[in-house]
Amino acid sequence: MDYISTWEKRCYSNGIPDAAPVELESRNKVPSYRRICIAILKNDHQLKTLGYQPKKSKYYDYYKKIELSERVKNKQLKLDL
């Protein structure tokens, strides 16, 4: 898991603890297996509770361009009427 390897590179070479102070966990300052379990129980597939950001699809920008061009066409049609 990327979360574990990231924290092992950040001074947790002996492994991450099972639990840590809640205040530090909530600020993403300390890793713990408790946070991983909570993310799994919440069905957090994108791991937002662990501080990860969801990646945009490569087709998102393409879809938005099509949507904006259709909006412009619809506004021009309304103005022409």
Protein backbone atom coordinates (compact mmCIF):
# COMPACT_ATOMS: atom_id res chain seq x y z
CA MET A 1 0.00 0.00 0.00
CA ASP A 2 1.32 3.43 -0.91
CA TYR A 3 0.24 4.91 2.44
CA ILE A 4 2.43 2.51 4.42
CA SER A 5 5.48 2.83 2.17
CA THR A 6 5.21 6.63 2.23
CA TRP A 7 5.24 6.73 6.04
CA GLU A 8 8.02 4.15 6.25
CA LYS A 9 10.16 6.52 4.18
CA ARG A 10 9.28 9.32 6.66
CA CYS A 11 11.11 8.03 9.75
CA TYR A 12 8.82 5.04 10.48
CA SER A 13 11.24 2.41 9.21
CA ASN A 14 10.27 0.01 12.02
CA GLY A 15 6.65 0.08 10.85
CA ILE A 16 3.72 2.30 11.63
CA PRO A 17 2.00 2.02 15.03
CA ASP A 18 -1.42 0.47 15.63
CA ALA A 19 -2.71 3.68 17.21
CA ALA A 20 -1.53 7.22 17.87
CA PRO A 21 -2.97 10.32 19.57
CA VAL A 22 -6.24 11.21 17.86
CA GLU A 23 -5.34 14.91 17.47
CA LEU A 24 -2.20 14.06 15.52
CA GLU A 25 -3.97 11.43 13.43
CA SER A 26 -6.72 13.83 12.41
CA ARG A 27 -4.13 16.35 11.21
CA ASN A 28 -2.31 13.68 9.13
CA LYS A 29 0.82 14.20 11.23
CA VAL A 30 1.10 10.57 12.41
CA PRO A 31 0.19 7.33 10.63
CA SER A 32 -1.67 4.44 12.24
CA TYR A 33 -3.40 1.25 11.30
CA ARG A 34 -6.47 2.54 13.11
CA ARG A 35 -6.89 5.25 10.46
CA ILE A 36 -6.51 2.67 7.70
CA CYS A 37 -9.24 0.53 9.33
CA ILE A 38 -11.56 3.53 9.65
CA ALA A 39 -11.08 4.35 5.97
CA ILE A 40 -11.93 0.75 5.05
CA LEU A 41 -15.02 0.73 7.27
CA LYS A 42 -16.24 3.97 5.70
CA ASN A 43 -15.78 2.48 2.21
CA ASP A 44 -13.42 5.33 1.42
CA HIS A 45 -12.08 3.95 -1.86
CA GLN A 46 -10.23 7.14 -2.73
CA LEU A 47 -8.63 7.34 0.74
CA LYS A 48 -9.69 10.93 1.34
CA THR A 49 -9.68 10.33 5.10
CA LEU A 50 -5.98 9.44 4.86
CA GLY A 51 -5.18 12.68 3.05
CA TYR A 52 -5.13 11.50 -0.56
CA GLN A 53 -6.73 13.54 -3.31
CA PRO A 54 -8.79 11.81 -5.99
CA LYS A 55 -7.21 11.85 -9.43
CA LYS A 56 -9.05 13.46 -12.30
CA SER A 57 -9.94 11.22 -15.16
CA LYS A 58 -8.04 11.90 -18.36
CA TYR A 59 -11.39 12.27 -20.09
CA TYR A 60 -12.73 14.91 -17.67
CA ASP A 61 -11.17 17.86 -19.51
CA TYR A 62 -12.34 16.48 -22.86
CA TYR A 63 -15.90 16.15 -21.54
CA LYS A 64 -15.86 19.68 -20.11
CA LYS A 65 -14.74 21.14 -23.47
CA ILE A 66 -17.65 19.41 -25.20
CA GLU A 67 -20.07 20.62 -22.54
CA LEU A 68 -18.86 24.22 -22.79
CA SER A 69 -19.01 24.23 -26.58
CA GLU A 70 -22.61 22.97 -26.43
CA ARG A 71 -23.50 25.74 -24.00
CA VAL A 72 -22.08 28.34 -26.38
CA LYS A 73 -24.02 26.85 -29.28
CA ASN A 74 -27.27 26.87 -27.28
CA LYS A 75 -26.77 30.51 -26.28
CA GLN A 76 -26.13 31.50 -29.89
CA LEU A 77 -29.28 29.69 -31.01
CA LYS A 78 -31.34 31.49 -28.39
CA LEU A 79 -29.89 34.84 -29.42
CA ASP A 80 -30.60 34.19 -33.11
CA LEU A 81 -34.26 33.50 -32.42
